[in-house]
């Protein structure tokens, strides 16, 4: 059942796929960290060489995956804990975060397609202050120093007639941020990571790549400023679900399903179909608050609670 291509935006899943074939990846470093009380698992995948990038199929950079099994549940305390962990991870990769910086947050996605609306919803809940700080200074918020935060939701090309990268490039050229944070919905390989995983990466973002809809990239090379990408997998390739189910049936029964391997096209035809959870509307609302709170905490220049504490 490995005859068809599986799409995933998660570097962790690419690493697992290659390791599952018995391959060692030179130039790719893996680190794992677990929070026993909350069940949160943090995995860092660092792609350090061009050879590692070629094997992984991803650009050079650091990919941090936060897996939170209870992220789909309505538990405000748990979501707060995830937000704090996300803020800590963001500060880990932000450039010169202890100095006052100008930050542009980009909410990618289509607001009218629920599973793709994470970015716009995160943008709705951000603390945006650039206009106030530029006019009155940090004193307007009783602070001595503050990051200046601005935000844009570029929409989709079908609506604007422009690539998201074109819009963002113009804004970067005009406002000159020190770095950019891009938020987007992703595609996962495993259903157990659906809506339960947050990936933070330093390599930028390629809008639509997970569903085969390639667009111009938002990277340091294309924009001239560092780009930190935040993504949550909200869809899974239908072919993946069918393939996994067939493999499980073969394993449990000890019998080979006739035609499964001989005719992989029967499964690969599903590559243009994507599956999400039935409660995706409520899930997106919860996830957008969690991610936006993590960004707000990371950018408020105050001390964060220690790891595993809220």
C-alpha atoms as a PDB file:
ATOM      1  CA  UNK A   1       0.000   0.000   0.000  1.00  0.00           C
ATOM      2  CA  UNK A   2       2.979   2.306  -0.296  1.00  0.00           C
ATOM      3  CA  UNK A   3       2.535   2.643  -4.056  1.00  0.00           C
ATOM      4  CA  UNK A   4       0.766   6.005  -3.902  1.00  0.00           C
ATOM      5  CA  UNK A   5       2.083   9.344  -2.692  1.00  0.00           C
ATOM      6  CA  UNK A   6       0.926  10.565   0.688  1.00  0.00           C
ATOM      7  CA  UNK A   7       0.715  14.295   1.179  1.00  0.00           C
ATOM      8  CA  UNK A   8       1.701  15.846   4.482  1.00  0.00           C
ATOM      9  CA  UNK A   9       2.937  19.237   5.600  1.00  0.00           C
ATOM     10  CA  UNK A  10       4.402  17.896   8.843  1.00  0.00           C
ATOM     11  CA  UNK A  11       8.170  17.373   8.865  1.00  0.00           C
ATOM     12  CA  UNK A  12       7.725  14.891  11.711  1.00  0.00           C
ATOM     13  CA  UNK A  13       5.578  12.643   9.511  1.00  0.00           C
ATOM     14  CA  UNK A  14       8.094  12.826   6.665  1.00  0.00           C
ATOM     15  CA  UNK A  15      10.777  11.775   9.123  1.00  0.00           C
ATOM     16  CA  UNK A  16       8.638   8.854  10.355  1.00  0.00           C
ATOM     17  CA  UNK A  17       7.906   7.760   6.787  1.00  0.00           C
ATOM     18  CA  UNK A  18      11.586   7.605   5.871  1.00  0.00           C
ATOM     19  CA  UNK A  19      12.549   5.889   9.127  1.00  0.00           C
ATOM     20  CA  UNK A  20       9.778   3.347   8.544  1.00  0.00           C
ATOM     21  CA  UNK A  21      11.592   2.284   5.399  1.00  0.00           C
ATOM     22  CA  UNK A  22      14.709   1.615   7.448  1.00  0.00           C
ATOM     23  CA  UNK A  23      16.574   4.656   6.211  1.00  0.00           C
ATOM     24  CA  UNK A  24      18.917   6.872   8.211  1.00  0.00           C
ATOM     25  CA  UNK A  25      18.858  10.553   7.349  1.00  0.00           C
ATOM     26  CA  UNK A  26      22.220  12.263   7.539  1.00  0.00           C
ATOM     27  CA  UNK A  27      21.911  15.974   8.181  1.00  0.00           C
ATOM     28  CA  UNK A  28      18.557  15.663   9.981  1.00  0.00           C
ATOM     29  CA  UNK A  29      18.533  15.900  13.791  1.00  0.00           C
ATOM     30  CA  UNK A  30      15.588  14.720  15.881  1.00  0.00           C
ATOM     31  CA  UNK A  31      14.905  15.771  19.489  1.00  0.00           C
ATOM     32  CA  UNK A  32      11.907  14.787  21.614  1.00  0.00           C
ATOM     33  CA  UNK A  33      10.489  16.285  24.784  1.00  0.00           C
ATOM     34  CA  UNK A  34       7.443  15.130  26.775  1.00  0.00           C
ATOM     35  CA  UNK A  35       5.215  16.858  29.321  1.00  0.00           C
ATOM     36  CA  UNK A  36       3.992  13.991  31.499  1.00  0.00           C
ATOM     37  CA  UNK A  37       1.242  15.919  33.329  1.00  0.00           C
ATOM     38  CA  UNK A  38      -0.426  17.360  30.236  1.00  0.00           C
ATOM     39  CA  UNK A  39       0.507  14.662  27.738  1.00  0.00           C
ATOM     40  CA  UNK A  40       1.991  17.285  25.416  1.00  0.00           C
ATOM     41  CA  UNK A  41       4.808  16.014  23.221  1.00  0.00           C
ATOM     42  CA  UNK A  42       7.273  18.361  21.532  1.00  0.00           C
ATOM     43  CA  UNK A  43       9.463  17.137  18.677  1.00  0.00           C
ATOM     44  CA  UNK A  44      12.168  19.162  16.967  1.00  0.00           C
ATOM     45  CA  UNK A  45      13.320  18.190  13.495  1.00  0.00           C
ATOM     46  CA  UNK A  46      16.317  20.188  12.287  1.00  0.00           C
ATOM     47  CA  UNK A  47      17.249  19.855   8.628  1.00  0.00           C
ATOM     48  CA  UNK A  48      20.859  21.010   8.506  1.00  0.00           C
ATOM     49  CA  UNK A  49      22.189  19.879   5.124  1.00  0.00           C
ATOM     50  CA  UNK A  50      21.080  20.040   1.503  1.00  0.00           C
ATOM     51  CA  UNK A  51      21.154  16.257   1.334  1.00  0.00           C
ATOM     52  CA  UNK A  52      18.824  16.035   4.332  1.00  0.00           C
ATOM     53  CA  UNK A  53      16.511  18.586   2.724  1.00  0.00           C
ATOM     54  CA  UNK A  54      16.439  16.571  -0.513  1.00  0.00           C
ATOM     55  CA  UNK A  55      15.573  13.324   1.270  1.00  0.00           C
ATOM     56  CA  UNK A  56      12.949  14.961   3.480  1.00  0.00           C
ATOM     57  CA  UNK A  57      11.491  16.957   0.609  1.00  0.00           C
ATOM     58  CA  UNK A  58      11.499  20.087   2.754  1.00  0.00           C
ATOM     59  CA  UNK A  59      13.699  23.218   2.926  1.00  0.00           C
ATOM     60  CA  UNK A  60      16.520  23.678   5.408  1.00  0.00           C
ATOM     61  CA  UNK A  61      15.329  24.860   8.798  1.00  0.00           C
ATOM     62  CA  UNK A  62      13.895  23.897  12.166  1.00  0.00           C
ATOM     63  CA  UNK A  63      10.477  22.236  12.415  1.00  0.00           C
ATOM     64  CA  UNK A  64       8.962  22.047  15.900  1.00  0.00           C
ATOM     65  CA  UNK A  65       5.858  19.902  16.357  1.00  0.00           C
ATOM     66  CA  UNK A  66       3.619  20.286  19.400  1.00  0.00           C
ATOM     67  CA  UNK A  67       1.282  17.301  19.795  1.00  0.00           C
ATOM     68  CA  UNK A  68      -1.579  17.761  22.261  1.00  0.00           C
ATOM     69  CA  UNK A  69      -4.017  14.800  22.312  1.00  0.00           C
ATOM     70  CA  UNK A  70      -6.749  16.745  24.145  1.00  0.00           C
ATOM     71  CA  UNK A  71      -6.585  19.794  21.890  1.00  0.00           C
ATOM     72  CA  UNK A  72      -9.960  18.956  20.333  1.00  0.00           C
ATOM     73  CA  UNK A  73     -11.695  18.979  23.731  1.00  0.00           C
ATOM     74  CA  UNK A  74     -13.446  21.963  25.295  1.00  0.00           C
ATOM     75  CA  UNK A  75     -11.025  22.446  28.162  1.00  0.00           C
ATOM     76  CA  UNK A  76     -10.020  26.090  28.568  1.00  0.00           C
ATOM     77  CA  UNK A  77      -7.275  25.274  31.073  1.00  0.00           C
ATOM     78  CA  UNK A  78      -5.690  22.756  28.721  1.00  0.00           C
ATOM     79  CA  UNK A  79      -5.897  25.134  25.766  1.00  0.00           C
ATOM     80  CA  UNK A  80      -4.248  27.823  27.898  1.00  0.00           C
ATOM     81  CA  UNK A  81      -1.408  25.429  28.677  1.00  0.00           C
ATOM     82  CA  UNK A  82      -0.975  24.688  24.971  1.00  0.00           C
ATOM     83  CA  UNK A  83      -0.923  28.435  24.241  1.00  0.00           C
ATOM     84  CA  UNK A  84       1.867  28.954  26.774  1.00  0.00           C
ATOM     85  CA  UNK A  85       3.878  26.097  25.257  1.00  0.00           C
ATOM     86  CA  UNK A  86       3.341  27.563  21.784  1.00  0.00           C
ATOM     87  CA  UNK A  87       4.500  30.990  22.989  1.00  0.00           C
ATOM     88  CA  UNK A  88       7.631  29.430  24.445  1.00  0.00           C
ATOM     89  CA  UNK A  89       8.387  27.656  21.164  1.00  0.00           C
ATOM     90  CA  UNK A  90       7.804  30.838  19.173  1.00  0.00           C
ATOM     91  CA  UNK A  91      10.242  32.780  21.351  1.00  0.00           C
ATOM     92  CA  UNK A  92      12.730  29.993  20.763  1.00  0.00           C
ATOM     93  CA  UNK A  93      12.808  30.732  17.018  1.00  0.00           C
ATOM     94  CA  UNK A  94      12.059  34.471  16.923  1.00  0.00           C
ATOM     95  CA  UNK A  95      15.052  36.661  15.980  1.00  0.00           C
ATOM     96  CA  UNK A  96      16.219  39.119  18.686  1.00  0.00           C
ATOM     97  CA  UNK A  97      12.947  38.729  20.574  1.00  0.00           C
ATOM     98  CA  UNK A  98      14.261  40.625  23.625  1.00  0.00           C
ATOM     99  CA  UNK A  99      14.509  43.813  21.572  1.00  0.00           C
ATOM    100  CA  UNK A 100      11.587  45.874  20.303  1.00  0.00           C
ATOM    101  CA  UNK A 101      10.635  44.450  16.931  1.00  0.00           C
ATOM    102  CA  UNK A 102       8.117  45.198  14.231  1.00  0.00           C
ATOM    103  CA  UNK A 103       6.157  42.029  13.451  1.00  0.00           C
ATOM    104  CA  UNK A 104       3.745  41.309  10.621  1.00  0.00           C
ATOM    105  CA  UNK A 105       1.317  38.417  11.119  1.00  0.00           C
ATOM    106  CA  UNK A 106      -0.249  36.923   7.987  1.00  0.00           C
ATOM    107  CA  UNK A 107      -3.446  34.874   8.233  1.00  0.00           C
ATOM    108  CA  UNK A 108      -3.447  32.612   5.171  1.00  0.00           C
ATOM    109  CA  UNK A 109      -6.440  30.667   3.934  1.00  0.00           C
ATOM    110  CA  UNK A 110      -9.998  30.963   2.685  1.00  0.00           C
ATOM    111  CA  UNK A 111     -12.451  32.265   5.273  1.00  0.00           C
ATOM    112  CA  UNK A 112     -15.363  30.715   3.352  1.00  0.00           C
ATOM    113  CA  UNK A 113     -13.914  27.169   3.483  1.00  0.00           C
ATOM    114  CA  UNK A 114     -14.092  26.125   7.134  1.00  0.00           C
ATOM    115  CA  UNK A 115     -11.164  23.694   7.151  1.00  0.00           C
ATOM    116  CA  UNK A 116      -8.988  26.344   5.459  1.00  0.00           C
ATOM    117  CA  UNK A 117     -10.070  29.301   7.605  1.00  0.00           C
ATOM    118  CA  UNK A 118      -7.624  28.925  10.515  1.00  0.00           C
ATOM    119  CA  UNK A 119      -5.361  31.777   9.399  1.00  0.00           C
ATOM    120  CA  UNK A 120      -8.127  34.406   9.024  1.00  0.00           C
ATOM    121  CA  UNK A 121      -9.686  33.396  12.368  1.00  0.00           C
ATOM    122  CA  UNK A 122      -6.337  33.628  14.156  1.00  0.00           C
ATOM    123  CA  UNK A 123      -5.892  37.111  12.696  1.00  0.00           C
ATOM    124  CA  UNK A 124      -9.292  38.145  14.106  1.00  0.00           C
ATOM    125  CA  UNK A 125      -8.100  37.424  17.662  1.00  0.00           C
ATOM    126  CA  UNK A 126      -4.659  39.039  17.560  1.00  0.00           C
ATOM    127  CA  UNK A 127      -3.581  42.008  19.658  1.00  0.00           C
ATOM    128  CA  UNK A 128      -2.673  44.536  16.951  1.00  0.00           C
ATOM    129  CA  UNK A 129      -0.960  47.708  18.161  1.00  0.00           C
ATOM    130  CA  UNK A 130       1.353  49.073  15.462  1.00  0.00           C
ATOM    131  CA  UNK A 131      -0.860  52.068  14.663  1.00  0.00           C
ATOM    132  CA  UNK A 132      -1.193  53.057  18.337  1.00  0.00           C
ATOM    133  CA  UNK A 133       2.480  52.592  19.242  1.00  0.00           C
ATOM    134  CA  UNK A 134       3.607  54.559  16.180  1.00  0.00           C
ATOM    135  CA  UNK A 135       1.309  57.433  17.163  1.00  0.00           C
ATOM    136  CA  UNK A 136       1.652  57.535  20.941  1.00  0.00           C
ATOM    137  CA  UNK A 137       4.497  55.174  21.813  1.00  0.00           C
ATOM    138  CA  UNK A 138       4.453  52.274  24.326  1.00  0.00           C
ATOM    139  CA  UNK A 139       3.221  54.694  27.000  1.00  0.00           C
ATOM    140  CA  UNK A 140      -0.247  54.302  25.496  1.00  0.00           C
ATOM    141  CA  UNK A 141      -0.280  50.830  27.064  1.00  0.00           C
ATOM    142  CA  UNK A 142       1.636  51.843  30.203  1.00  0.00           C
ATOM    143  CA  UNK A 143       4.744  50.087  28.889  1.00  0.00           C
ATOM    144  CA  UNK A 144       8.316  51.198  28.386  1.00  0.00           C
ATOM    145  CA  UNK A 145       8.808  48.985  25.344  1.00  0.00           C
ATOM    146  CA  UNK A 146       6.574  46.908  23.072  1.00  0.00           C
ATOM    147  CA  UNK A 147       6.729  44.972  19.870  1.00  0.00           C
ATOM    148  CA  UNK A 148       4.767  46.702  17.097  1.00  0.00           C
ATOM    149  CA  UNK A 149       2.327  44.168  15.712  1.00  0.00           C
ATOM    150  CA  UNK A 150       0.419  44.464  12.449  1.00  0.00           C
ATOM    151  CA  UNK A 151      -1.736  41.906  10.653  1.00  0.00           C
ATOM    152  CA  UNK A 152      -3.062  41.129   7.193  1.00  0.00           C
ATOM    153  CA  UNK A 153      -5.452  38.525   5.733  1.00  0.00           C
ATOM    154  CA  UNK A 154      -4.570  38.467   2.021  1.00  0.00           C
ATOM    155  CA  UNK A 155      -7.459  36.196   1.036  1.00  0.00           C
ATOM    156  CA  UNK A 156      -7.291  33.817  -1.917  1.00  0.00           C
ATOM    157  CA  UNK A 157      -6.412  34.424  -5.553  1.00  0.00           C
ATOM    158  CA  UNK A 158      -9.925  33.536  -6.765  1.00  0.00           C
ATOM    159  CA  UNK A 159     -11.175  36.595  -4.873  1.00  0.00           C
ATOM    160  CA  UNK A 160      -8.304  39.053  -5.268  1.00  0.00           C
ATOM    161  CA  UNK A 161      -6.732  38.049  -8.566  1.00  0.00           C
ATOM    162  CA  UNK A 162      -3.364  38.207  -6.836  1.00  0.00           C
ATOM    163  CA  UNK A 163      -1.086  35.655  -5.222  1.00  0.00           C
ATOM    164  CA  UNK A 164      -0.909  35.906  -1.435  1.00  0.00           C
ATOM    165  CA  UNK A 165       2.873  36.234  -1.812  1.00  0.00           C
ATOM    166  CA  UNK A 166       2.438  39.272  -4.080  1.00  0.00           C
ATOM    167  CA  UNK A 167       0.229  41.019  -1.539  1.00  0.00           C
ATOM    168  CA  UNK A 168       2.522  40.203   1.369  1.00  0.00           C
ATOM    169  CA  UNK A 169       5.604  41.264  -0.597  1.00  0.00           C
ATOM    170  CA  UNK A 170       4.073  44.698  -1.182  1.00  0.00           C
ATOM    171  CA  UNK A 171       3.190  45.101   2.498  1.00  0.00           C
ATOM    172  CA  UNK A 172       6.668  44.014   3.603  1.00  0.00           C
ATOM    173  CA  UNK A 173       8.225  46.509   1.194  1.00  0.00           C
ATOM    174  CA  UNK A 174       6.066  49.336   2.556  1.00  0.00           C
ATOM    175  CA  UNK A 175       5.997  48.604   6.316  1.00  0.00           C
ATOM    176  CA  UNK A 176       9.442  46.959   6.657  1.00  0.00           C
ATOM    177  CA  UNK A 177       8.768  44.456   9.473  1.00  0.00           C
ATOM    178  CA  UNK A 178      11.694  42.777  11.240  1.00  0.00           C
ATOM    179  CA  UNK A 179      10.126  39.365  10.782  1.00  0.00           C
ATOM    180  CA  UNK A 180       6.904  37.765   9.691  1.00  0.00           C
ATOM    181  CA  UNK A 181       4.636  35.123  11.249  1.00  0.00           C
ATOM    182  CA  UNK A 182       2.456  33.214   8.770  1.00  0.00           C
ATOM    183  CA  UNK A 183      -0.459  31.066   9.979  1.00  0.00           C
ATOM    184  CA  UNK A 184      -2.086  28.461   7.750  1.00  0.00           C
ATOM    185  CA  UNK A 185      -4.040  25.202   7.797  1.00  0.00           C
ATOM    186  CA  UNK A 186      -2.033  22.100   6.900  1.00  0.00           C
ATOM    187  CA  UNK A 187      -2.578  18.542   5.668  1.00  0.00           C
ATOM    188  CA  UNK A 188      -1.578  15.565   7.826  1.00  0.00           C
ATOM    189  CA  UNK A 189      -0.595  11.964   7.110  1.00  0.00           C
ATOM    190  CA  UNK A 190      -2.211  10.543  10.234  1.00  0.00           C
ATOM    191  CA  UNK A 191      -5.777  11.065  11.441  1.00  0.00           C
ATOM    192  CA  UNK A 192      -4.563  10.994  15.057  1.00  0.00           C
ATOM    193  CA  UNK A 193      -2.741  14.290  14.425  1.00  0.00           C
ATOM    194  CA  UNK A 194      -5.770  15.968  12.869  1.00  0.00           C
ATOM    195  CA  UNK A 195      -6.594  19.154  14.831  1.00  0.00           C
ATOM    196  CA  UNK A 196      -4.271  17.971  17.625  1.00  0.00           C
ATOM    197  CA  UNK A 197      -0.920  19.175  16.324  1.00  0.00           C
ATOM    198  CA  UNK A 198       0.753  22.562  15.894  1.00  0.00           C
ATOM    199  CA  UNK A 199       3.879  22.907  13.758  1.00  0.00           C
ATOM    200  CA  UNK A 200       6.252  25.868  14.047  1.00  0.00           C
ATOM    201  CA  UNK A 201       8.970  26.183  11.417  1.00  0.00           C
ATOM    202  CA  UNK A 202      11.677  28.644  10.420  1.00  0.00           C
ATOM    203  CA  UNK A 203      11.718  27.708   6.737  1.00  0.00           C
ATOM    204  CA  UNK A 204       8.739  29.810   5.698  1.00  0.00           C
ATOM    205  CA  UNK A 205       5.546  28.527   4.161  1.00  0.00           C
ATOM    206  CA  UNK A 206       4.258  27.331   0.808  1.00  0.00           C
ATOM    207  CA  UNK A 207       0.492  28.067   0.755  1.00  0.00           C
ATOM    208  CA  UNK A 208      -1.616  25.166  -0.516  1.00  0.00           C
ATOM    209  CA  UNK A 209       1.283  22.712  -0.852  1.00  0.00           C
ATOM    210  CA  UNK A 210      -0.333  20.100   1.389  1.00  0.00           C
ATOM    211  CA  UNK A 211      -3.330  19.716  -0.929  1.00  0.00           C
ATOM    212  CA  UNK A 212      -1.309  19.925  -4.122  1.00  0.00           C
ATOM    213  CA  UNK A 213      -2.255  23.575  -4.785  1.00  0.00           C
ATOM    214  CA  UNK A 214       1.220  25.080  -5.079  1.00  0.00           C
ATOM    215  CA  UNK A 215       1.547  28.853  -4.724  1.00  0.00           C
ATOM    216  CA  UNK A 216       4.445  31.276  -4.479  1.00  0.00           C
ATOM    217  CA  UNK A 217       6.389  30.765  -1.266  1.00  0.00           C
ATOM    218  CA  UNK A 218       6.606  33.082   1.714  1.00  0.00           C
ATOM    219  CA  UNK A 219      10.241  32.693   2.754  1.00  0.00           C
ATOM    220  CA  UNK A 220      13.197  34.792   3.809  1.00  0.00           C
ATOM    221  CA  UNK A 221      14.624  34.478   0.308  1.00  0.00           C
ATOM    222  CA  UNK A 222      11.426  35.742  -1.355  1.00  0.00           C
ATOM    223  CA  UNK A 223      10.517  38.470   1.159  1.00  0.00           C
ATOM    224  CA  UNK A 224      13.885  39.566   2.544  1.00  0.00           C
ATOM    225  CA  UNK A 225      12.874  39.060   6.197  1.00  0.00           C
ATOM    226  CA  UNK A 226      12.742  35.928   8.393  1.00  0.00           C
ATOM    227  CA  UNK A 227       9.465  34.014   8.153  1.00  0.00           C
ATOM    228  CA  UNK A 228       8.133  31.858  10.991  1.00  0.00           C
ATOM    229  CA  UNK A 229       5.328  29.524   9.934  1.00  0.00           C
ATOM    230  CA  UNK A 230       2.609  28.209  12.248  1.00  0.00           C
ATOM    231  CA  UNK A 231       0.304  25.484  10.984  1.00  0.00           C
ATOM    232  CA  UNK A 232      -2.338  23.088  12.248  1.00  0.00           C
ATOM    233  CA  UNK A 233      -3.353  20.038  10.173  1.00  0.00           C
ATOM    234  CA  UNK A 234      -7.115  20.236   9.561  1.00  0.00           C
ATOM    235  CA  UNK A 235      -7.439  17.792   6.637  1.00  0.00           C
ATOM    236  CA  UNK A 236      -6.213  14.310   5.746  1.00  0.00           C
ATOM    237  CA  UNK A 237      -5.814  12.858   2.261  1.00  0.00           C
ATOM    238  CA  UNK A 238      -8.698  10.407   1.625  1.00  0.00           C
ATOM    239  CA  UNK A 239      -6.275   7.973  -0.034  1.00  0.00           C
ATOM    240  CA  UNK A 240      -4.315   7.847   3.200  1.00  0.00           C
ATOM    241  CA  UNK A 241      -7.379   6.804   5.193  1.00  0.00           C
ATOM    242  CA  UNK A 242      -8.305   4.087   2.715  1.00  0.00           C
ATOM    243  CA  UNK A 243      -4.722   2.846   2.462  1.00  0.00           C
ATOM    244  CA  UNK A 244      -4.341   2.690   6.239  1.00  0.00           C
ATOM    245  CA  UNK A 245      -7.633   0.817   6.579  1.00  0.00           C
ATOM    246  CA  UNK A 246      -6.584  -1.767   3.987  1.00  0.00           C
ATOM    247  CA  UNK A 247      -3.196  -2.266   5.637  1.00  0.00           C
ATOM    248  CA  UNK A 248      -4.888  -2.696   9.024  1.00  0.00           C
ATOM    249  CA  UNK A 249      -7.289  -5.275   7.587  1.00  0.00           C
ATOM    250  CA  UNK A 250      -4.377  -7.197   6.049  1.00  0.00           C
ATOM    251  CA  UNK A 251      -2.445  -7.119   9.322  1.00  0.00           C
ATOM    252  CA  UNK A 252      -5.408  -8.206  11.465  1.00  0.00           C
ATOM    253  CA  UNK A 253      -6.589 -10.955   9.142  1.00  0.00           C
ATOM    254  CA  UNK A 254      -3.204 -12.159   7.936  1.00  0.00           C
ATOM    255  CA  UNK A 255      -4.588 -12.191   4.379  1.00  0.00           C
ATOM    256  CA  UNK A 256      -3.585 -10.097   1.412  1.00  0.00           C
ATOM    257  CA  UNK A 257      -6.370  -8.035  -0.106  1.00  0.00           C
ATOM    258  CA  UNK A 258      -6.445  -8.996  -3.770  1.00  0.00           C
ATOM    259  CA  UNK A 259      -5.802  -6.049  -6.066  1.00  0.00           C
ATOM    260  CA  UNK A 260      -4.736  -3.607  -3.366  1.00  0.00           C
ATOM    261  CA  UNK A 261      -1.105  -3.573  -4.430  1.00  0.00           C
ATOM    262  CA  UNK A 262      -1.612  -4.736  -8.012  1.00  0.00           C
ATOM    263  CA  UNK A 263      -3.918  -1.805  -8.758  1.00  0.00           C
ATOM    264  CA  UNK A 264      -2.771   1.142  -6.629  1.00  0.00           C
ATOM    265  CA  UNK A 265      -4.583   3.533  -8.982  1.00  0.00           C
ATOM    266  CA  UNK A 266      -7.855   2.563  -7.332  1.00  0.00           C
ATOM    267  CA  UNK A 267      -6.599   4.251  -4.172  1.00  0.00           C
ATOM    268  CA  UNK A 268      -4.491   7.005  -5.706  1.00  0.00           C
ATOM    269  CA  UNK A 269      -7.568   8.378  -7.482  1.00  0.00           C
ATOM    270  CA  UNK A 270      -8.655   9.580  -4.052  1.00  0.00           C
ATOM    271  CA  UNK A 271      -5.655  11.929  -3.842  1.00  0.00           C
ATOM    272  CA  UNK A 272      -7.873  14.824  -4.920  1.00  0.00           C
ATOM    273  CA  UNK A 273     -10.231  14.273  -2.001  1.00  0.00           C
ATOM    274  CA  UNK A 274      -9.601  15.493   1.545  1.00  0.00           C
ATOM    275  CA  UNK A 275     -11.370  14.624   4.773  1.00  0.00           C
ATOM    276  CA  UNK A 276     -11.899  16.721   7.878  1.00  0.00           C
ATOM    277  CA  UNK A 277     -13.799  16.241  11.144  1.00  0.00           C
ATOM    278  CA  UNK A 278     -17.555  16.768  11.258  1.00  0.00           C
ATOM    279  CA  UNK A 279     -17.233  19.415  13.991  1.00  0.00           C
ATOM    280  CA  UNK A 280     -14.581  21.387  12.134  1.00  0.00           C
ATOM    281  CA  UNK A 281     -16.422  24.702  12.586  1.00  0.00           C
ATOM    282  CA  UNK A 282     -16.254  24.539  16.380  1.00  0.00           C
ATOM    283  CA  UNK A 283     -12.761  23.075  16.255  1.00  0.00           C
ATOM    284  CA  UNK A 284     -11.455  25.960  14.154  1.00  0.00           C
ATOM    285  CA  UNK A 285     -12.902  28.457  16.628  1.00  0.00           C
ATOM    286  CA  UNK A 286     -11.117  26.779  19.554  1.00  0.00           C
ATOM    287  CA  UNK A 287      -7.858  26.293  17.681  1.00  0.00           C
ATOM    288  CA  UNK A 288      -7.805  29.880  16.423  1.00  0.00           C
ATOM    289  CA  UNK A 289      -8.124  31.196  19.994  1.00  0.00           C
ATOM    290  CA  UNK A 290      -5.362  28.849  21.172  1.00  0.00           C
ATOM    291  CA  UNK A 291      -2.952  29.827  18.390  1.00  0.00           C
ATOM    292  CA  UNK A 292      -3.720  33.551  18.599  1.00  0.00           C
ATOM    293  CA  UNK A 293      -3.253  33.509  22.370  1.00  0.00           C
ATOM    294  CA  UNK A 294       0.103  31.783  21.892  1.00  0.00           C
ATOM    295  CA  UNK A 295       1.201  34.495  19.456  1.00  0.00           C
ATOM    296  CA  UNK A 296      -0.054  37.261  21.752  1.00  0.00           C
ATOM    297  CA  UNK A 297       1.817  35.786  24.715  1.00  0.00           C
ATOM    298  CA  UNK A 298       4.992  35.369  22.694  1.00  0.00           C
ATOM    299  CA  UNK A 299       4.927  39.004  21.552  1.00  0.00           C
ATOM    300  CA  UNK A 300       4.001  40.769  24.805  1.00  0.00           C
ATOM    301  CA  UNK A 301       7.637  40.925  26.032  1.00  0.00           C
ATOM    302  CA  UNK A 302       6.669  39.660  29.503  1.00  0.00           C
ATOM    303  CA  UNK A 303       8.114  36.599  31.203  1.00  0.00           C
ATOM    304  CA  UNK A 304       6.340  33.345  30.386  1.00  0.00           C
ATOM    305  CA  UNK A 305       5.585  30.578  32.889  1.00  0.00           C
ATOM    306  CA  UNK A 306       8.130  27.764  32.973  1.00  0.00           C
ATOM    307  CA  UNK A 307       7.639  24.756  30.698  1.00  0.00           C
ATOM    308  CA  UNK A 308       4.711  22.634  31.861  1.00  0.00           C
ATOM    309  CA  UNK A 309       3.306  25.427  34.078  1.00  0.00           C
ATOM    310  CA  UNK A 310       0.537  27.956  33.490  1.00  0.00           C
END
